[in-house]
Amino acid sequence: MLIYLPWQEGCGNGLHQKIKFFRLMDDFGMTTSEAYTSLELPPDNRDYRPAIAILFRFNLLRIQLITNNPAKLDAVTRGGIDIIRRIPSIMQTTDPYLLKYLDSKIQQFGHLINGQDYEKLCRSTSISHS
């Protein structure tokens, strides 16, 4: 089951704010955290309770979760769901803007992109993760 909650876009701040956020990143080279701070928004305002309620409704109490976000793993687990496997969300890219965005997720929010996964992301770019 794939659960998509459209109001959770922009880390729970809305799609309109997400567009502003990416504009700040593109135009001023801000990181994820810097962009949200400049908009006076919390860096992650998501509420996972609706997704957890859906899982309970369908009696899906043991799941595989596609995420790199440790806060999401924690919230879902605290909500009573047993995560039996985390599936990393990884795609190959050489786009320097996307790589900078992903690197800021790792550095500022502890996203779980391990060295091997990160190498797949970076392939032929000059960005490296220490």
N, C-alpha and C. Protein backbone atom coordinates (compact mmCIF):
# COMPACT_ATOMS: atom_id res chain seq x y z
N MET A 1 0.85 -1.16 0.00
CA MET A 1 0.00 0.00 0.00
C MET A 1 0.90 1.23 0.00
N LEU A 2 0.58 2.16 -0.85
CA LEU A 2 1.27 3.43 -0.89
C LEU A 2 0.32 4.49 -0.34
N ILE A 3 0.76 5.23 0.65
CA ILE A 3 -0.06 6.27 1.25
C ILE A 3 0.56 7.62 0.88
N TYR A 4 -0.23 8.45 0.22
CA TYR A 4 0.21 9.80 -0.14
C TYR A 4 -0.75 10.80 0.50
N LEU A 5 -0.21 11.68 1.29
CA LEU A 5 -1.01 12.71 1.95
C LEU A 5 -0.59 14.06 1.37
N PRO A 6 -1.36 14.59 0.41
CA PRO A 6 -0.92 15.79 -0.30
C PRO A 6 -0.69 17.00 0.59
N TRP A 7 -1.40 17.11 1.70
CA TRP A 7 -1.20 18.26 2.59
C TRP A 7 0.12 18.19 3.33
N GLN A 8 0.82 17.07 3.21
CA GLN A 8 2.12 16.93 3.88
C GLN A 8 3.27 17.47 3.02
N GLU A 9 2.96 17.92 1.79
CA GLU A 9 4.01 18.48 0.94
C GLU A 9 4.72 19.62 1.67
N GLY A 10 5.96 19.84 1.29
CA GLY A 10 6.73 20.91 1.93
C GLY A 10 6.96 20.66 3.40
N CYS A 11 7.19 19.39 3.75
CA CYS A 11 7.40 18.98 5.14
C CYS A 11 6.24 19.41 6.03
N GLY A 12 5.03 19.32 5.48
CA GLY A 12 3.84 19.64 6.26
C GLY A 12 3.47 21.12 6.25
N ASN A 13 4.24 21.92 5.52
CA ASN A 13 3.97 23.35 5.44
C ASN A 13 3.16 23.73 4.19
N GLY A 14 2.88 22.77 3.33
CA GLY A 14 2.06 23.01 2.15
C GLY A 14 2.86 23.15 0.87
N LEU A 15 2.19 22.88 -0.24
CA LEU A 15 2.83 22.92 -1.56
C LEU A 15 3.29 24.34 -1.91
N HIS A 16 2.50 25.33 -1.57
CA HIS A 16 2.87 26.72 -1.87
C HIS A 16 4.20 27.08 -1.18
N GLN A 17 4.34 26.67 0.07
CA GLN A 17 5.59 26.94 0.80
C GLN A 17 6.74 26.13 0.22
N LYS A 18 6.44 24.93 -0.25
CA LYS A 18 7.49 24.09 -0.85
C LYS A 18 8.06 24.77 -2.09
N ILE A 19 7.19 25.38 -2.88
CA ILE A 19 7.64 26.09 -4.08
C ILE A 19 8.53 27.27 -3.68
N LYS A 20 8.12 28.02 -2.67
CA LYS A 20 8.94 29.13 -2.17
C LYS A 20 10.29 28.63 -1.68
N PHE A 21 10.24 27.51 -0.97
CA PHE A 21 11.43 26.90 -0.39
C PHE A 21 12.45 26.55 -1.49
N PHE A 22 11.99 25.89 -2.55
CA PHE A 22 12.90 25.52 -3.64
C PHE A 22 13.41 26.76 -4.37
N ARG A 23 12.59 27.78 -4.45
CA ARG A 23 13.03 29.02 -5.09
C ARG A 23 14.20 29.62 -4.31
N LEU A 24 14.08 29.65 -2.99
CA LEU A 24 15.17 30.16 -2.15
C LEU A 24 16.43 29.33 -2.31
N MET A 25 16.27 28.04 -2.40
CA MET A 25 17.43 27.17 -2.58
C MET A 25 18.09 27.45 -3.93
N ASP A 26 17.27 27.56 -4.97
CA ASP A 26 17.80 27.79 -6.32
C ASP A 26 18.42 29.18 -6.46
N ASP A 27 17.69 30.20 -6.01
CA ASP A 27 18.13 31.59 -6.23
C ASP A 27 19.26 32.03 -5.30
N PHE A 28 19.26 31.53 -4.07
CA PHE A 28 20.22 32.02 -3.09
C PHE A 28 21.15 30.94 -2.54
N GLY A 29 21.04 29.73 -3.06
CA GLY A 29 21.92 28.65 -2.63
C GLY A 29 21.72 28.22 -1.19
N MET A 30 20.51 28.46 -0.67
CA MET A 30 20.24 28.08 0.72
C MET A 30 20.10 26.57 0.87
N THR A 31 20.39 26.10 2.06
CA THR A 31 20.15 24.70 2.39
C THR A 31 18.68 24.54 2.77
N THR A 32 18.27 23.31 2.95
CA THR A 32 16.89 23.01 3.36
C THR A 32 16.53 23.78 4.62
N SER A 33 17.34 23.65 5.63
CA SER A 33 17.08 24.28 6.92
C SER A 33 17.07 25.80 6.81
N GLU A 34 18.02 26.36 6.08
CA GLU A 34 18.09 27.81 5.91
C GLU A 34 16.85 28.35 5.21
N ALA A 35 16.38 27.64 4.19
CA ALA A 35 15.21 28.09 3.44
C ALA A 35 13.97 28.12 4.33
N TYR A 36 13.75 27.05 5.09
CA TYR A 36 12.58 27.03 5.97
C TYR A 36 12.69 28.09 7.06
N THR A 37 13.88 28.27 7.60
CA THR A 37 14.08 29.28 8.64
C THR A 37 13.79 30.68 8.09
N SER A 38 14.25 30.95 6.87
CA SER A 38 14.01 32.28 6.28
C SER A 38 12.53 32.52 6.01
N LEU A 39 11.76 31.45 5.81
CA LEU A 39 10.31 31.57 5.63
C LEU A 39 9.57 31.56 6.97
N GLU A 40 10.35 31.47 8.06
CA GLU A 40 9.80 31.39 9.42
C GLU A 40 8.85 30.20 9.57
N LEU A 41 9.28 29.08 9.01
CA LEU A 41 8.51 27.83 9.08
C LEU A 41 9.33 26.77 9.79
N PRO A 42 8.66 25.84 10.46
CA PRO A 42 9.40 24.72 11.05
C PRO A 42 9.98 23.85 9.93
N PRO A 43 11.18 23.32 10.12
CA PRO A 43 11.79 22.51 9.07
C PRO A 43 11.04 21.21 8.79
N ASP A 44 10.28 20.72 9.74
CA ASP A 44 9.45 19.53 9.49
C ASP A 44 8.20 19.63 10.35
N ASN A 45 7.10 19.89 9.70
CA ASN A 45 5.83 20.13 10.37
C ASN A 45 4.83 19.00 10.10
N ARG A 46 5.35 17.86 9.67
CA ARG A 46 4.46 16.76 9.28
C ARG A 46 3.85 16.06 10.49
N ASP A 47 2.66 15.56 10.27
CA ASP A 47 1.93 14.79 11.26
C ASP A 47 1.67 13.42 10.65
N TYR A 48 2.28 12.39 11.19
CA TYR A 48 2.16 11.05 10.62
C TYR A 48 0.94 10.29 11.12
N ARG A 49 0.19 10.88 12.05
CA ARG A 49 -0.97 10.17 12.61
C ARG A 49 -2.00 9.77 11.56
N PRO A 50 -2.32 10.59 10.55
CA PRO A 50 -3.28 10.12 9.54
C PRO A 50 -2.81 8.87 8.79
N ALA A 51 -1.53 8.81 8.44
CA ALA A 51 -1.00 7.62 7.76
C ALA A 51 -1.04 6.41 8.69
N ILE A 52 -0.71 6.62 9.95
CA ILE A 52 -0.75 5.53 10.92
C ILE A 52 -2.18 5.02 11.08
N ALA A 53 -3.14 5.94 11.11
CA ALA A 53 -4.56 5.54 11.23
C ALA A 53 -5.00 4.71 10.03
N ILE A 54 -4.53 5.07 8.84
CA ILE A 54 -4.85 4.29 7.64
C ILE A 54 -4.28 2.89 7.76
N LEU A 55 -3.04 2.78 8.21
CA LEU A 55 -2.43 1.46 8.39
C LEU A 55 -3.22 0.62 9.38
N PHE A 56 -3.61 1.22 10.49
CA PHE A 56 -4.43 0.49 11.47
C PHE A 56 -5.77 0.08 10.87
N ARG A 57 -6.38 0.97 10.10
CA ARG A 57 -7.69 0.67 9.48
C ARG A 57 -7.62 -0.57 8.61
N PHE A 58 -6.50 -0.75 7.92
CA PHE A 58 -6.32 -1.91 7.05
C PHE A 58 -5.55 -3.03 7.74
N ASN A 59 -5.38 -2.92 9.05
CA ASN A 59 -4.70 -3.93 9.85
C ASN A 59 -3.28 -4.23 9.34
N LEU A 60 -2.61 -3.19 8.89
CA LEU A 60 -1.22 -3.31 8.42
C LEU A 60 -0.31 -2.82 9.54
N LEU A 61 -0.02 -3.72 10.46
CA LEU A 61 0.73 -3.34 11.66
C LEU A 61 2.21 -3.70 11.57
N ARG A 62 2.58 -4.45 10.54
CA ARG A 62 3.98 -4.79 10.25
C ARG A 62 4.22 -4.41 8.80
N ILE A 63 5.11 -3.45 8.59
CA ILE A 63 5.26 -2.91 7.24
C ILE A 63 6.72 -2.79 6.83
N GLN A 64 6.90 -2.63 5.53
CA GLN A 64 8.15 -2.18 4.96
C GLN A 64 7.92 -0.72 4.60
N LEU A 65 8.83 0.15 4.98
CA LEU A 65 8.64 1.58 4.79
C LEU A 65 9.73 2.14 3.89
N ILE A 66 9.31 2.82 2.82
CA ILE A 66 10.25 3.48 1.92
C ILE A 66 10.51 4.87 2.47
N THR A 67 11.71 5.08 3.00
CA THR A 67 12.07 6.39 3.55
C THR A 67 13.56 6.45 3.83
N ASN A 68 14.07 7.67 3.85
CA ASN A 68 15.42 7.95 4.35
C ASN A 68 15.35 8.75 5.64
N ASN A 69 14.14 9.09 6.06
CA ASN A 69 13.91 10.03 7.15
C ASN A 69 13.80 9.33 8.51
N PRO A 70 14.80 9.52 9.38
CA PRO A 70 14.75 8.86 10.69
C PRO A 70 13.59 9.36 11.56
N ALA A 71 13.17 10.62 11.39
CA ALA A 71 12.04 11.13 12.17
C ALA A 71 10.75 10.41 11.78
N LYS A 72 10.62 10.08 10.52
CA LYS A 72 9.43 9.33 10.06
C LYS A 72 9.45 7.92 10.65
N LEU A 73 10.61 7.29 10.63
CA LEU A 73 10.73 5.95 11.21
C LEU A 73 10.32 5.97 12.68
N ASP A 74 10.81 6.96 13.39
CA ASP A 74 10.52 7.09 14.82
C ASP A 74 9.03 7.33 15.06
N ALA A 75 8.44 8.25 14.30
CA ALA A 75 7.02 8.58 14.49
C ALA A 75 6.11 7.39 14.20
N VAL A 76 6.42 6.67 13.13
CA VAL A 76 5.59 5.52 12.76
C VAL A 76 5.74 4.41 13.81
N THR A 77 6.94 4.18 14.27
CA THR A 77 7.17 3.18 15.31
C THR A 77 6.46 3.57 16.61
N ARG A 78 6.59 4.83 17.01
CA ARG A 78 5.90 5.30 18.22
C ARG A 78 4.39 5.22 18.07
N GLY A 79 3.91 5.27 16.82
CA GLY A 79 2.48 5.15 16.57
C GLY A 79 1.95 3.74 16.63
N GLY A 80 2.84 2.77 16.90
CA GLY A 80 2.40 1.39 17.08
C GLY A 80 2.57 0.49 15.88
N ILE A 81 3.29 0.95 14.88
CA ILE A 81 3.54 0.16 13.68
C ILE A 81 4.93 -0.46 13.78
N ASP A 82 5.02 -1.74 13.47
CA ASP A 82 6.30 -2.45 13.46
C ASP A 82 6.90 -2.35 12.06
N ILE A 83 8.01 -1.65 11.96
CA ILE A 83 8.70 -1.53 10.67
C ILE A 83 9.68 -2.69 10.57
N ILE A 84 9.34 -3.64 9.72
CA ILE A 84 10.18 -4.83 9.59
C ILE A 84 11.34 -4.62 8.62
N ARG A 85 11.22 -3.60 7.78
CA ARG A 85 12.30 -3.31 6.84
C ARG A 85 12.17 -1.87 6.36
N ARG A 86 13.29 -1.16 6.38
CA ARG A 86 13.34 0.17 5.78
C ARG A 86 13.92 0.03 4.39
N ILE A 87 13.22 0.56 3.41
CA ILE A 87 13.70 0.54 2.03
C ILE A 87 14.18 1.95 1.71
N PRO A 88 15.47 2.12 1.43
CA PRO A 88 15.97 3.45 1.12
C PRO A 88 15.34 4.00 -0.16
N SER A 89 15.10 5.29 -0.16
CA SER A 89 14.61 5.98 -1.35
C SER A 89 15.82 6.55 -2.07
N ILE A 90 16.26 5.87 -3.11
CA ILE A 90 17.50 6.22 -3.80
C ILE A 90 17.25 6.29 -5.30
N MET A 91 17.82 7.29 -5.93
CA MET A 91 17.80 7.37 -7.39
C MET A 91 19.13 7.94 -7.84
N GLN A 92 19.55 7.53 -9.01
CA GLN A 92 20.80 8.05 -9.53
C GLN A 92 20.56 9.43 -10.13
N THR A 93 21.49 10.32 -9.89
CA THR A 93 21.40 11.65 -10.48
C THR A 93 22.79 12.26 -10.56
N THR A 94 22.95 13.13 -11.51
CA THR A 94 24.16 13.94 -11.58
C THR A 94 23.81 15.42 -11.46
N ASP A 95 22.55 15.71 -11.17
CA ASP A 95 22.08 17.09 -11.04
C ASP A 95 22.68 17.71 -9.78
N PRO A 96 23.52 18.72 -9.90
CA PRO A 96 24.18 19.29 -8.72
C PRO A 96 23.20 19.91 -7.72
N TYR A 97 22.08 20.45 -8.20
CA TYR A 97 21.09 21.04 -7.28
C TYR A 97 20.42 19.96 -6.44
N LEU A 98 20.07 18.86 -7.08
CA LEU A 98 19.45 17.76 -6.35
C LEU A 98 20.44 17.15 -5.37
N LEU A 99 21.68 17.01 -5.79
CA LEU A 99 22.69 16.45 -4.89
C LEU A 99 22.92 17.36 -3.68
N LYS A 100 22.92 18.67 -3.90
CA LYS A 100 23.08 19.59 -2.77
C LYS A 100 21.89 19.47 -1.82
N TYR A 101 20.69 19.37 -2.39
CA TYR A 101 19.48 19.21 -1.58
C TYR A 101 19.56 17.93 -0.75
N LEU A 102 19.94 16.83 -1.37
CA LEU A 102 20.05 15.56 -0.66
C LEU A 102 21.15 15.61 0.40
N ASP A 103 22.25 16.25 0.06
CA ASP A 103 23.33 16.37 1.03
C ASP A 103 22.88 17.18 2.25
N SER A 104 22.07 18.22 2.02
CA SER A 104 21.57 19.00 3.16
C SER A 104 20.63 18.16 4.02
N LYS A 105 19.89 17.24 3.40
CA LYS A 105 19.02 16.34 4.17
C LYS A 105 19.86 15.43 5.07
N ILE A 106 20.98 14.97 4.54
CA ILE A 106 21.87 14.11 5.33
C ILE A 106 22.50 14.91 6.47
N GLN A 107 23.07 16.06 6.13
CA GLN A 107 23.82 16.84 7.11
C GLN A 107 22.93 17.45 8.19
N GLN A 108 21.76 17.97 7.81
CA GLN A 108 20.95 18.73 8.76
C GLN A 108 19.85 17.93 9.42
N PHE A 109 19.40 16.87 8.77
CA PHE A 109 18.27 16.12 9.32
C PHE A 109 18.59 14.65 9.56
N GLY A 110 19.85 14.26 9.30
CA GLY A 110 20.27 12.89 9.57
C GLY A 110 19.65 11.84 8.67
N HIS A 111 19.24 12.24 7.47
CA HIS A 111 18.63 11.26 6.58
C HIS A 111 19.57 10.09 6.34
N LEU A 112 18.99 8.93 6.24
CA LEU A 112 19.73 7.67 6.21
C LEU A 112 20.08 7.27 4.79
N ILE A 113 21.05 7.97 4.24
CA ILE A 113 21.59 7.59 2.95
C ILE A 113 23.02 7.19 3.24
N ASN A 114 23.26 5.89 3.23
CA ASN A 114 24.59 5.41 3.63
C ASN A 114 25.61 5.66 2.51
N GLY A 115 26.84 5.40 2.80
CA GLY A 115 27.91 5.65 1.85
C GLY A 115 27.70 5.00 0.50
N GLN A 116 27.29 3.75 0.50
CA GLN A 116 27.08 3.04 -0.76
C GLN A 116 25.93 3.66 -1.54
N ASP A 117 24.83 3.95 -0.86
CA ASP A 117 23.69 4.59 -1.51
C ASP A 117 24.09 5.97 -2.03
N TYR A 118 24.87 6.68 -1.23
CA TYR A 118 25.27 8.03 -1.62
C TYR A 118 26.16 7.98 -2.86
N GLU A 119 27.02 6.99 -2.93
CA GLU A 119 27.87 6.84 -4.12
C GLU A 119 27.01 6.59 -5.36
N LYS A 120 25.94 5.81 -5.22
CA LYS A 120 25.02 5.60 -6.34
C LYS A 120 24.40 6.91 -6.77
N LEU A 121 24.05 7.75 -5.80
CA LEU A 121 23.46 9.05 -6.11
C LEU A 121 24.44 9.93 -6.87
N CYS A 122 25.66 9.96 -6.40
CA CYS A 122 26.63 10.92 -6.92
C CYS A 122 27.24 10.53 -8.26
N ARG A 123 27.39 9.26 -8.48
CA ARG A 123 28.03 8.74 -9.69
C ARG A 123 29.15 9.65 -10.20
N SER A 124 28.87 10.49 -11.17
CA SER A 124 29.94 11.26 -11.82
C SER A 124 29.92 12.73 -11.41
N THR A 125 29.69 13.01 -10.15
CA THR A 125 29.68 14.40 -9.70
C THR A 125 30.84 14.64 -8.77
N SER A 126 31.05 15.88 -8.45
CA SER A 126 32.16 16.23 -7.57
C SER A 126 31.75 16.29 -6.10
N ILE A 127 30.47 16.09 -5.81
CA ILE A 127 30.01 16.14 -4.42
C ILE A 127 30.39 14.84 -3.73
N SER A 128 30.97 14.96 -2.56
CA SER A 128 31.25 13.77 -1.77
C SER A 128 30.72 13.99 -0.37
N HIS A 129 30.41 12.91 0.30
CA HIS A 129 29.86 12.97 1.66
C HIS A 129 30.90 12.45 2.62
N SER A 130 31.20 13.24 3.64
CA SER A 130 32.20 12.79 4.61
C SER A 130 31.55 12.30 5.86
